[in-house]
PDB file of N, CA and C in Angstrom:
ATOM      1  N   MET A   1       0.823  -1.199   0.000  1.00  0.00           N
ATOM      2  CA  MET A   1       0.000   0.000   0.000  1.00  0.00           C
ATOM      3  C   MET A   1       0.862   1.256   0.000  1.00  0.00           C
ATOM      4  N   GLU A   2       2.061   1.147   0.565  1.00  0.00           N
ATOM      5  CA  GLU A   2       2.960   2.300   0.583  1.00  0.00           C
ATOM      6  C   GLU A   2       3.344   2.728  -0.832  1.00  0.00           C
ATOM      7  N   TYR A   3       3.517   1.748  -1.708  1.00  0.00           N
ATOM      8  CA  TYR A   3       3.918   2.063  -3.079  1.00  0.00           C
ATOM      9  C   TYR A   3       2.830   2.866  -3.797  1.00  0.00           C
ATOM     10  N   VAL A   4       1.584   2.504  -3.538  1.00  0.00           N
ATOM     11  CA  VAL A   4       0.477   3.223  -4.165  1.00  0.00           C
ATOM     12  C   VAL A   4       0.438   4.662  -3.664  1.00  0.00           C
ATOM     13  N   ALA A   5       0.636   4.853  -2.368  1.00  0.00           N
ATOM     14  CA  ALA A   5       0.614   6.193  -1.783  1.00  0.00           C
ATOM     15  C   ALA A   5       1.769   7.037  -2.315  1.00  0.00           C
ATOM     16  N   VAL A   6       2.873   6.398  -2.605  1.00  0.00           N
ATOM     17  CA  VAL A   6       4.033   7.124  -3.113  1.00  0.00           C
ATOM     18  C   VAL A   6       3.852   7.453  -4.599  1.00  0.00           C
ATOM     19  N   LEU A   7       3.329   6.520  -5.370  1.00  0.00           N
ATOM     20  CA  LEU A   7       3.215   6.704  -6.814  1.00  0.00           C
ATOM     21  C   LEU A   7       1.954   7.446  -7.248  1.00  0.00           C
ATOM     22  N   LEU A   8       0.917   7.456  -6.426  1.00  0.00           N
ATOM     23  CA  LEU A   8      -0.345   8.066  -6.807  1.00  0.00           C
ATOM     24  C   LEU A   8      -0.229   9.544  -7.190  1.00  0.00           C
ATOM     25  N   PRO A   9       0.478  10.386  -6.441  1.00  0.00           N
ATOM     26  CA  PRO A   9       0.596  11.793  -6.863  1.00  0.00           C
ATOM     27  C   PRO A   9       1.262  11.959  -8.229  1.00  0.00           C
ATOM     28  N   SER A  10       2.287  11.184  -8.490  1.00  0.00           N
ATOM     29  CA  SER A  10       2.963  11.262  -9.793  1.00  0.00           C
ATOM     30  C   SER A  10       2.045  10.808 -10.915  1.00  0.00           C
ATOM     31  N   ILE A  11       1.280   9.770 -10.671  1.00  0.00           N
ATOM     32  CA  ILE A  11       0.351   9.268 -11.682  1.00  0.00           C
ATOM     33  C   ILE A  11      -0.735  10.300 -11.962  1.00  0.00           C
ATOM     34  N   VAL A  12      -1.265  10.910 -10.912  1.00  0.00           N
ATOM     35  CA  VAL A  12      -2.315  11.917 -11.080  1.00  0.00           C
ATOM     36  C   VAL A  12      -1.782  13.126 -11.846  1.00  0.00           C
ATOM     37  N   VAL A  13      -0.598  13.585 -11.494  1.00  0.00           N
ATOM     38  CA  VAL A  13      -0.011  14.718 -12.208  1.00  0.00           C
ATOM     39  C   VAL A  13       0.267  14.352 -13.664  1.00  0.00           C
ATOM     40  N   GLY A  14       0.728  13.153 -13.898  1.00  0.00           N
ATOM     41  CA  GLY A  14       0.959  12.695 -15.266  1.00  0.00           C
ATOM     42  C   GLY A  14      -0.323  12.649 -16.074  1.00  0.00           C
ATOM     43  N   LEU A  15      -1.400  12.157 -15.467  1.00  0.00           N
ATOM     44  CA  LEU A  15      -2.679  12.118 -16.164  1.00  0.00           C
ATOM     45  C   LEU A  15      -3.219  13.520 -16.437  1.00  0.00           C
ATOM     46  N   LEU A  16      -3.074  14.417 -15.478  1.00  0.00           N
ATOM     47  CA  LEU A  16      -3.500  15.797 -15.695  1.00  0.00           C
ATOM     48  C   LEU A  16      -2.725  16.437 -16.848  1.00  0.00           C
ATOM     49  N   PHE A  17      -1.426  16.193 -16.882  1.00  0.00           N
ATOM     50  CA  PHE A  17      -0.597  16.717 -17.964  1.00  0.00           C
ATOM     51  C   PHE A  17      -1.038  16.135 -19.305  1.00  0.00           C
ATOM     52  N   TRP A  18      -1.326  14.825 -19.322  1.00  0.00           N
ATOM     53  CA  TRP A  18      -1.742  14.164 -20.552  1.00  0.00           C
ATOM     54  C   TRP A  18      -3.057  14.747 -21.054  1.00  0.00           C
ATOM     55  N   PHE A  19      -4.035  14.928 -20.162  1.00  0.00           N
ATOM     56  CA  PHE A  19      -5.317  15.507 -20.570  1.00  0.00           C
ATOM     57  C   PHE A  19      -5.157  16.950 -21.040  1.00  0.00           C
ATOM     58  N   ALA A  20      -4.312  17.702 -20.376  1.00  0.00           N
ATOM     59  CA  ALA A  20      -4.087  19.088 -20.782  1.00  0.00           C
ATOM     60  C   ALA A  20      -3.459  19.143 -22.172  1.00  0.00           C
ATOM     61  N   MET A  21      -2.451  18.337 -22.420  1.00  0.00           N
ATOM     62  CA  MET A  21      -1.803  18.333 -23.727  1.00  0.00           C
ATOM     63  C   MET A  21      -2.757  17.836 -24.814  1.00  0.00           C
ATOM     64  N   LYS A  22      -3.563  16.829 -24.485  1.00  0.00           N
ATOM     65  CA  LYS A  22      -4.528  16.307 -25.451  1.00  0.00           C
ATOM     66  C   LYS A  22      -5.529  17.389 -25.836  1.00  0.00           C
ATOM     67  N   SER A  23      -6.006  18.152 -24.863  1.00  0.00           N
ATOM     68  CA  SER A  23      -6.969  19.210 -25.174  1.00  0.00           C
ATOM     69  C   SER A  23      -6.319  20.331 -25.977  1.00  0.00           C
ATOM     70  N   ILE A  24      -5.071  20.642 -25.685  1.00  0.00           N
ATOM     71  CA  ILE A  24      -4.358  21.669 -26.459  1.00  0.00           C
ATOM     72  C   ILE A  24      -4.184  21.227 -27.907  1.00  0.00           C
ATOM     73  N   PHE A  25      -3.773  19.987 -28.113  1.00  0.00           N
ATOM     74  CA  PHE A  25      -3.575  19.491 -29.474  1.00  0.00           C
ATOM     75  C   PHE A  25      -4.896  19.386 -30.235  1.00  0.00           C
ATOM     76  N   ASN A  26      -5.971  18.987 -29.555  1.00  0.00           N
ATOM     77  CA  ASN A  26      -7.275  18.928 -30.215  1.00  0.00           C
ATOM     78  C   ASN A  26      -7.757  20.326 -30.590  1.00  0.00           C
ATOM     79  N   ALA A  27      -7.539  21.296 -29.720  1.00  0.00           N
ATOM     80  CA  ALA A  27      -7.932  22.666 -30.032  1.00  0.00           C
ATOM     81  C   ALA A  27      -7.114  23.202 -31.208  1.00  0.00           C
ATOM     82  N   ASP A  28      -5.826  22.879 -31.243  1.00  0.00           N
ATOM     83  CA  ASP A  28      -4.972  23.317 -32.344  1.00  0.00           C
ATOM     84  C   ASP A  28      -5.425  22.684 -33.657  1.00  0.00           C
ATOM     85  N   LYS A  29      -5.779  21.404 -33.604  1.00  0.00           N
ATOM     86  CA  LYS A  29      -6.244  20.719 -34.806  1.00  0.00           C
ATOM     87  C   LYS A  29      -7.541  21.340 -35.317  1.00  0.00           C
ATOM     88  N   ALA A  30      -8.451  21.642 -34.408  1.00  0.00           N
ATOM     89  CA  ALA A  30      -9.715  22.258 -34.799  1.00  0.00           C
ATOM     90  C   ALA A  30      -9.481  23.654 -35.375  1.00  0.00           C
ATOM     91  N   GLU A  31      -8.538  24.392 -34.794  1.00  0.00           N
ATOM     92  CA  GLU A  31      -8.223  25.730 -35.304  1.00  0.00           C
ATOM     93  C   GLU A  31      -7.608  25.653 -36.697  1.00  0.00           C
ATOM     94  N   ARG A  32      -6.730  24.694 -36.909  1.00  0.00           N
ATOM     95  CA  ARG A  32      -6.118  24.530 -38.235  1.00  0.00           C
ATOM     96  C   ARG A  32      -7.162  24.159 -39.278  1.00  0.00           C
ATOM     97  N   GLN A  33      -8.112  23.288 -38.910  1.00  0.00           N
ATOM     98  CA  GLN A  33      -9.174  22.915 -39.837  1.00  0.00           C
ATOM     99  C   GLN A  33     -10.062  24.108 -40.159  1.00  0.00           C
ATOM    100  N   ALA A  34     -10.391  24.901 -39.152  1.00  0.00           N
ATOM    101  CA  ALA A  34     -11.216  26.086 -39.380  1.00  0.00           C
ATOM    102  C   ALA A  34     -10.476  27.092 -40.247  1.00  0.00           C
ATOM    103  N   GLU A  35      -9.186  27.261 -40.026  1.00  0.00           N
ATOM    104  CA  GLU A  35      -8.383  28.188 -40.833  1.00  0.00           C
ATOM    105  C   GLU A  35      -8.305  27.711 -42.280  1.00  0.00           C
ATOM    106  N   ALA A  36      -8.106  26.408 -42.484  1.00  0.00           N
ATOM    107  CA  ALA A  36      -8.046  25.870 -43.841  1.00  0.00           C
ATOM    108  C   ALA A  36      -9.380  26.037 -44.545  1.00  0.00           C
ATOM    109  N   GLN A  37     -10.477  25.827 -43.823  1.00  0.00           N
ATOM    110  CA  GLN A  37     -11.800  26.005 -44.411  1.00  0.00           C
ATOM    111  C   GLN A  37     -12.041  27.466 -44.764  1.00  0.00           C
ATOM    112  N   ALA A  38     -11.628  28.379 -43.901  1.00  0.00           N
ATOM    113  CA  ALA A  38     -11.806  29.805 -44.175  1.00  0.00           C
ATOM    114  C   ALA A  38     -10.965  30.226 -45.376  1.00  0.00           C
ATOM    115  N   GLN A  39      -9.741  29.721 -45.461  1.00  0.00           N
ATOM    116  CA  GLN A  39      -8.894  30.060 -46.602  1.00  0.00           C
ATOM    117  C   GLN A  39      -9.465  29.502 -47.900  1.00  0.00           C
ATOM    118  N   ALA A  40      -9.988  28.271 -47.849  1.00  0.00           N
ATOM    119  CA  ALA A  40     -10.573  27.680 -49.048  1.00  0.00           C
ATOM    120  C   ALA A  40     -11.808  28.461 -49.480  1.00  0.00           C
ATOM    121  N   GLN A  41     -12.600  28.889 -48.520  1.00  0.00           N
ATOM    122  CA  GLN A  41     -13.787  29.672 -48.852  1.00  0.00           C
ATOM    123  C   GLN A  41     -13.399  31.029 -49.434  1.00  0.00           C
ATOM    124  N   ALA A  42     -12.395  31.677 -48.838  1.00  0.00           N
ATOM    125  CA  ALA A  42     -11.944  32.970 -49.355  1.00  0.00           C
ATOM    126  C   ALA A  42     -11.352  32.819 -50.746  1.00  0.00           C
ATOM    127  N   GLU A  43     -10.626  31.734 -50.976  1.00  0.00           N
ATOM    128  CA  GLU A  43     -10.043  31.492 -52.300  1.00  0.00           C
ATOM    129  C   GLU A  43     -11.136  31.242 -53.332  1.00  0.00           C
ATOM    130  N   ALA A  44     -12.156  30.489 -52.947  1.00  0.00           N
ATOM    131  CA  ALA A  44     -13.259  30.235 -53.871  1.00  0.00           C
ATOM    132  C   ALA A  44     -14.019  31.518 -54.176  1.00  0.00           C
ATOM    133  N   GLU A  45     -14.215  32.355 -53.189  1.00  0.00           N
ATOM    134  CA  GLU A  45     -14.890  33.630 -53.416  1.00  0.00           C
ATOM    135  C   GLU A  45     -14.057  34.552 -54.291  1.00  0.00           C
ATOM    136  N   SER A  46     -12.737  34.536 -54.093  1.00  0.00           N
ATOM    137  CA  SER A  46     -11.893  35.407 -54.912  1.00  0.00           C
ATOM    138  C   SER A  46     -11.841  34.927 -56.357  1.00  0.00           C
ATOM    139  N   ARG A  47     -11.946  33.621 -56.555  1.00  0.00           N
ATOM    140  CA  ARG A  47     -11.954  33.095 -57.933  1.00  0.00           C
ATOM    141  C   ARG A  47     -13.225  33.497 -58.662  1.00  0.00           C
ATOM    142  N   THR A  48     -14.338  33.474 -57.961  1.00  0.00           N
ATOM    143  CA  THR A  48     -15.600  33.828 -58.624  1.00  0.00           C
ATOM    144  C   THR A  48     -15.744  35.334 -58.779  1.00  0.00           C
ATOM    145  N   ALA A  49     -15.171  36.112 -57.868  1.00  0.00           N
ATOM    146  CA  ALA A  49     -15.314  37.563 -57.919  1.00  0.00           C
ATOM    147  C   ALA A  49     -14.232  38.225 -58.768  1.00  0.00           C
ATOM    148  N   ALA A  50     -13.140  37.560 -59.008  1.00  0.00           N
ATOM    149  CA  ALA A  50     -12.007  38.174 -59.687  1.00  0.00           C
ATOM    150  C   ALA A  50     -12.311  38.634 -61.114  1.00  0.00           C
ATOM    151  N   PRO A  51     -12.952  37.854 -61.952  1.00  0.00           N
ATOM    152  CA  PRO A  51     -13.174  38.332 -63.327  1.00  0.00           C
ATOM    153  C   PRO A  51     -14.042  39.591 -63.395  1.00  0.00           C
ATOM    154  N   ALA A  52     -14.994  39.745 -62.534  1.00  0.00           N
ATOM    155  CA  ALA A  52     -15.848  40.922 -62.560  1.00  0.00           C
ATOM    156  C   ALA A  52     -15.128  42.153 -62.014  1.00  0.00           C
ATOM    157  N   ASP A  53     -14.189  41.954 -61.123  1.00  0.00           N
ATOM    158  CA  ASP A  53     -13.474  43.068 -60.516  1.00  0.00           C
ATOM    159  C   ASP A  53     -12.343  43.601 -61.395  1.00  0.00           C
ATOM    160  N   ARG A  54     -11.837  42.777 -62.269  1.00  0.00           N
ATOM    161  CA  ARG A  54     -10.712  43.197 -63.102  1.00  0.00           C
ATOM    162  C   ARG A  54     -11.198  44.059 -64.259  1.00  0.00           C
ATOM    163  N   PRO A  55     -10.524  45.161 -64.513  1.00  0.00           N
ATOM    164  CA  PRO A  55     -10.898  45.965 -65.685  1.00  0.00           C
ATOM    165  C   PRO A  55     -10.422  45.288 -66.965  1.00  0.00           C
ATOM    166  N   GLU A  56     -11.064  45.609 -68.041  1.00  0.00           N
ATOM    167  CA  GLU A  56     -10.663  45.067 -69.336  1.00  0.00           C
ATOM    168  C   GLU A  56      -9.306  45.638 -69.723  1.00  0.00           C
ATOM    169  N   PRO A  57      -8.424  44.820 -70.229  1.00  0.00           N
ATOM    170  CA  PRO A  57      -7.121  45.360 -70.670  1.00  0.00           C
ATOM    171  C   PRO A  57      -7.304  46.228 -71.923  1.00  0.00           C
ATOM    172  N   GLU A  58      -6.607  47.337 -71.931  1.00  0.00           N
ATOM    173  CA  GLU A  58      -6.694  48.242 -73.068  1.00  0.00           C
ATOM    174  C   GLU A  58      -5.828  47.721 -74.185  1.00  0.00           C
ATOM    175  N   SER A  59      -6.344  47.794 -75.391  1.00  0.00           N
ATOM    176  CA  SER A  59      -5.590  47.318 -76.524  1.00  0.00           C
ATOM    177  C   SER A  59      -4.706  48.454 -77.043  1.00  0.00           C
ATOM    178  N   ASN A  60      -3.545  48.122 -77.465  1.00  0.00           N
ATOM    179  CA  ASN A  60      -2.603  49.105 -78.020  1.00  0.00           C
ATOM    180  C   ASN A  60      -2.811  49.160 -79.530  1.00  0.00           C
ATOM    181  N   ARG A  61      -3.462  50.194 -79.987  1.00  0.00           N
ATOM    182  CA  ARG A  61      -3.704  50.326 -81.421  1.00  0.00           C
ATOM    183  C   ARG A  61      -2.788  51.339 -82.021  1.00  0.00           C
TER     184      ARG A  61
END
Protein backbone atom coordinates (compact mmCIF):
# COMPACT_ATOMS: atom_id res chain seq x y z
CA MET A 1 0.00 0.00 0.00
CA GLU A 2 2.96 2.30 0.58
CA TYR A 3 3.92 2.06 -3.08
CA VAL A 4 0.48 3.22 -4.17
CA ALA A 5 0.61 6.19 -1.78
CA VAL A 6 4.03 7.12 -3.11
CA LEU A 7 3.22 6.70 -6.81
CA LEU A 8 -0.35 8.07 -6.81
CA PRO A 9 0.60 11.79 -6.86
CA SER A 10 2.96 11.26 -9.79
CA ILE A 11 0.35 9.27 -11.68
CA VAL A 12 -2.31 11.92 -11.08
CA VAL A 13 -0.01 14.72 -12.21
CA GLY A 14 0.96 12.69 -15.27
CA LEU A 15 -2.68 12.12 -16.16
CA LEU A 16 -3.50 15.80 -15.70
CA PHE A 17 -0.60 16.72 -17.96
CA TRP A 18 -1.74 14.16 -20.55
CA PHE A 19 -5.32 15.51 -20.57
CA ALA A 20 -4.09 19.09 -20.78
CA MET A 21 -1.80 18.33 -23.73
CA LYS A 22 -4.53 16.31 -25.45
CA SER A 23 -6.97 19.21 -25.17
CA ILE A 24 -4.36 21.67 -26.46
CA PHE A 25 -3.58 19.49 -29.47
CA ASN A 26 -7.28 18.93 -30.22
CA ALA A 27 -7.93 22.67 -30.03
CA ASP A 28 -4.97 23.32 -32.34
CA LYS A 29 -6.24 20.72 -34.81
CA ALA A 30 -9.72 22.26 -34.80
CA GLU A 31 -8.22 25.73 -35.30
CA ARG A 32 -6.12 24.53 -38.23
CA GLN A 33 -9.17 22.91 -39.84
CA ALA A 34 -11.22 26.09 -39.38
CA GLU A 35 -8.38 28.19 -40.83
CA ALA A 36 -8.05 25.87 -43.84
CA GLN A 37 -11.80 26.01 -44.41
CA ALA A 38 -11.81 29.80 -44.18
CA GLN A 39 -8.89 30.06 -46.60
CA ALA A 40 -10.57 27.68 -49.05
CA GLN A 41 -13.79 29.67 -48.85
CA ALA A 42 -11.94 32.97 -49.36
CA GLU A 43 -10.04 31.49 -52.30
CA ALA A 44 -13.26 30.23 -53.87
CA GLU A 45 -14.89 33.63 -53.42
CA SER A 46 -11.89 35.41 -54.91
CA ARG A 47 -11.95 33.10 -57.93
CA THR A 48 -15.60 33.83 -58.62
CA ALA A 49 -15.31 37.56 -57.92
CA ALA A 50 -12.01 38.17 -59.69
CA PRO A 51 -13.17 38.33 -63.33
CA ALA A 52 -15.85 40.92 -62.56
CA ASP A 53 -13.47 43.07 -60.52
CA ARG A 54 -10.71 43.20 -63.10
CA PRO A 55 -10.90 45.97 -65.69
CA GLU A 56 -10.66 45.07 -69.34
CA PRO A 57 -7.12 45.36 -70.67
CA GLU A 58 -6.69 48.24 -73.07
CA SER A 59 -5.59 47.32 -76.52
CA ASN A 60 -2.60 49.10 -78.02
CA ARG A 61 -3.70 50.33 -81.42
